[in-house]
Amino acid sequence: MTKKTPRFEDSLLELEQLVERLEQGDTSLEESLKAFERGVQLTRVCQTALKEAEQKIQVLLEVEGQVQLKPFNPES
């Protein structure tokens, strides 16, 4: 059985929920440590996903062996 990598959006949502729960301050030390450990794992998953997306974009923008960086314009 292959371990499925969680989707970026799912990991980010879970991370946001963990942060909110920790910010409330009503969890025990043990629960807080477990939540922190999980948060570190989720952060790594998100960072990896973003790095992979960045690498894919660079490959798509590569022209004749040269990376052509273009400004990001979300409206176009």
Protein backbone atom coordinates (compact mmCIF):
# COMPACT_ATOMS: atom_id res chain seq x y z
CA MET A 1 0.00 0.00 0.00
CA THR A 2 1.38 3.42 -1.01
CA LYS A 3 1.26 6.24 1.49
CA LYS A 4 -0.80 9.05 0.00
CA THR A 5 0.62 12.56 0.24
CA PRO A 6 -2.00 14.96 1.61
CA ARG A 7 -3.15 17.79 -0.62
CA PHE A 8 -1.56 21.17 0.01
CA GLU A 9 -4.91 22.77 0.74
CA ASP A 10 -5.84 20.06 3.27
CA SER A 11 -2.49 20.37 5.04
CA LEU A 12 -2.74 24.15 5.17
CA LEU A 13 -6.28 24.02 6.56
CA GLU A 14 -5.26 21.55 9.25
CA LEU A 15 -2.25 23.72 10.13
CA GLU A 16 -4.48 26.80 10.45
CA GLN A 17 -6.84 24.88 12.75
CA LEU A 18 -3.93 23.73 14.91
CA VAL A 19 -2.65 27.27 15.25
CA GLU A 20 -6.09 28.53 16.24
CA ARG A 21 -6.42 25.80 18.86
CA LEU A 22 -2.96 26.57 20.28
CA GLU A 23 -3.66 30.30 20.33
CA GLN A 24 -6.72 29.71 22.52
CA GLY A 25 -4.35 28.42 25.20
CA ASP A 26 -6.74 25.92 26.74
CA THR A 27 -4.85 22.75 25.81
CA SER A 28 -2.63 20.78 28.13
CA LEU A 29 1.13 20.81 27.71
CA GLU A 30 1.07 17.28 26.28
CA GLU A 31 -1.67 18.17 23.77
CA SER A 32 0.18 21.35 22.85
CA LEU A 33 3.39 19.43 22.18
CA LYS A 34 1.55 16.90 20.00
CA ALA A 35 -0.13 19.74 18.10
CA PHE A 36 3.23 21.48 17.67
CA GLU A 37 4.82 18.29 16.31
CA ARG A 38 1.94 17.86 13.89
CA GLY A 39 2.26 21.50 12.88
CA VAL A 40 5.93 21.01 12.05
CA GLN A 41 5.02 17.99 9.89
CA LEU A 42 2.30 19.96 8.10
CA THR A 43 4.63 22.90 7.54
CA ARG A 44 7.14 20.58 5.88
CA VAL A 45 4.43 19.09 3.66
CA CYS A 46 3.35 22.58 2.59
CA GLN A 47 6.92 23.76 1.99
CA THR A 48 7.64 20.69 -0.13
CA ALA A 49 4.48 21.19 -2.17
CA LEU A 50 5.32 24.85 -2.79
CA LYS A 51 8.91 24.00 -3.77
CA GLU A 52 7.67 21.35 -6.23
CA ALA A 53 5.19 23.81 -7.73
CA GLU A 54 7.94 26.40 -8.11
CA GLN A 55 10.17 23.85 -9.86
CA LYS A 56 7.36 22.90 -12.25
CA ILE A 57 6.77 26.55 -13.08
CA GLN A 58 10.47 27.07 -13.81
CA VAL A 59 10.44 24.07 -16.15
CA LEU A 60 7.38 25.43 -17.93
CA LEU A 61 9.01 28.85 -18.33
CA GLU A 62 12.30 27.46 -19.60
CA VAL A 63 13.00 28.53 -23.16
CA GLU A 64 16.00 27.13 -25.06
CA GLY A 65 17.73 26.12 -21.85
CA GLN A 66 17.25 29.54 -20.23
CA VAL A 67 14.72 30.25 -17.54
CA GLN A 68 12.71 33.24 -18.56
CA LEU A 69 11.33 34.74 -15.35
CA LYS A 70 8.20 36.73 -15.89
CA PRO A 71 6.28 38.83 -13.38
CA PHE A 72 3.25 37.16 -11.90
CA ASN A 73 0.00 38.82 -12.92
CA PRO A 74 -3.02 37.00 -11.44
CA GLU A 75 -5.44 39.08 -13.52
CA SER A 76 -4.16 37.87 -16.89
